Amino acid sequence: MKKFICEGCGYIYDPLKGDHTNNIPKGTEFKDLPEDWICPLCKVKKLAFKVW
C-alpha cells in the first residue's frame, strides 16, 4: 500500500493507519477514500496529495 503526502502541509496518509479524524478505517487505500475526503490537518482536497 502506497503512502500519500499532502502538498499543503506535509501530512502523510498511511493506509495501514487510516484516518481516525475523518472516520476512515485502517486498511483503506488512498484510491478508495471518498471523493470529498479532505486532509485532516489543513483541510485541502484529495487532489493536493501526491505519492510519497
C-alpha atoms as a PDB file:
ATOM      1  CA  MET A   1       0.000   0.000   0.000  1.00  0.00           C
ATOM      2  CA  LYS A   2       1.364   3.369  -1.033  1.00  0.00           C
ATOM      3  CA  LYS A   3       1.507   6.394   1.258  1.00  0.00           C
ATOM      4  CA  PHE A   4       0.451   9.837   0.050  1.00  0.00           C
ATOM      5  CA  ILE A   5       1.679  13.245   1.202  1.00  0.00           C
ATOM      6  CA  CYS A   6      -0.296  16.492   1.329  1.00  0.00           C
ATOM      7  CA  GLU A   7       1.471  19.197  -0.642  1.00  0.00           C
ATOM      8  CA  GLY A   8      -0.208  21.824   1.534  1.00  0.00           C
ATOM      9  CA  CYS A   9       1.017  20.785   4.983  1.00  0.00           C
ATOM     10  CA  GLY A  10       3.072  17.590   4.711  1.00  0.00           C
ATOM     11  CA  TYR A  11       0.507  15.273   6.316  1.00  0.00           C
ATOM     12  CA  ILE A  12       1.129  11.682   5.236  1.00  0.00           C
ATOM     13  CA  TYR A  13      -1.847   9.446   4.623  1.00  0.00           C
ATOM     14  CA  ASP A  14      -0.828   5.904   5.547  1.00  0.00           C
ATOM     15  CA  PRO A  15      -3.394   3.261   4.552  1.00  0.00           C
ATOM     16  CA  LEU A  16      -2.181   0.994   7.341  1.00  0.00           C
ATOM     17  CA  LYS A  17      -3.263   3.651   9.879  1.00  0.00           C
ATOM     18  CA  GLY A  18      -6.333   5.094   8.153  1.00  0.00           C
ATOM     19  CA  ASP A  19      -7.622   8.498   9.281  1.00  0.00           C
ATOM     20  CA  HIS A  20      -9.470   8.467  12.582  1.00  0.00           C
ATOM     21  CA  THR A  21     -10.272  12.189  12.278  1.00  0.00           C
ATOM     22  CA  ASN A  22     -12.430  11.528   9.204  1.00  0.00           C
ATOM     23  CA  ASN A  23     -13.618   8.049  10.291  1.00  0.00           C
ATOM     24  CA  ILE A  24     -11.525   6.218   7.679  1.00  0.00           C
ATOM     25  CA  PRO A  25     -10.693   2.708   8.931  1.00  0.00           C
ATOM     26  CA  LYS A  26      -7.239   1.120   8.874  1.00  0.00           C
ATOM     27  CA  GLY A  27      -6.529  -0.660   5.608  1.00  0.00           C
ATOM     28  CA  THR A  28      -8.318   1.893   3.387  1.00  0.00           C
ATOM     29  CA  GLU A  29      -6.220   2.596   0.315  1.00  0.00           C
ATOM     30  CA  PHE A  30      -5.954   6.181  -0.908  1.00  0.00           C
ATOM     31  CA  LYS A  31      -7.837   5.385  -4.121  1.00  0.00           C
ATOM     32  CA  ASP A  32     -10.737   4.117  -2.008  1.00  0.00           C
ATOM     33  CA  LEU A  33     -11.109   7.312   0.047  1.00  0.00           C
ATOM     34  CA  PRO A  34     -14.358   9.197  -0.631  1.00  0.00           C
ATOM     35  CA  GLU A  35     -14.073  11.908  -3.297  1.00  0.00           C
ATOM     36  CA  ASP A  36     -14.986  14.529  -0.695  1.00  0.00           C
ATOM     37  CA  TRP A  37     -12.272  13.385   1.762  1.00  0.00           C
ATOM     38  CA  ILE A  38     -10.059  16.243   2.996  1.00  0.00           C
ATOM     39  CA  CYS A  39      -6.700  16.453   4.742  1.00  0.00           C
ATOM     40  CA  PRO A  40      -7.306  16.187   8.493  1.00  0.00           C
ATOM     41  CA  LEU A  41      -4.731  18.914   9.179  1.00  0.00           C
ATOM     42  CA  CYS A  42      -5.119  21.648   6.569  1.00  0.00           C
ATOM     43  CA  LYS A  43      -8.481  20.665   5.002  1.00  0.00           C
ATOM     44  CA  VAL A  44      -7.318  20.603   1.364  1.00  0.00           C
ATOM     45  CA  LYS A  45      -8.940  18.217  -1.096  1.00  0.00           C
ATOM     46  CA  LYS A  46      -7.670  14.806  -2.124  1.00  0.00           C
ATOM     47  CA  LEU A  47      -6.203  16.298  -5.331  1.00  0.00           C
ATOM     48  CA  ALA A  48      -3.482  18.046  -3.288  1.00  0.00           C
ATOM     49  CA  PHE A  49      -1.875  14.700  -2.388  1.00  0.00           C
ATOM     50  CA  LYS A  50       0.990  13.004  -4.207  1.00  0.00           C
ATOM     51  CA  VAL A  51       2.560   9.557  -3.829  1.00  0.00           C
ATOM     52  CA  TRP A  52       5.223   9.671  -1.130  1.00  0.00           C
END
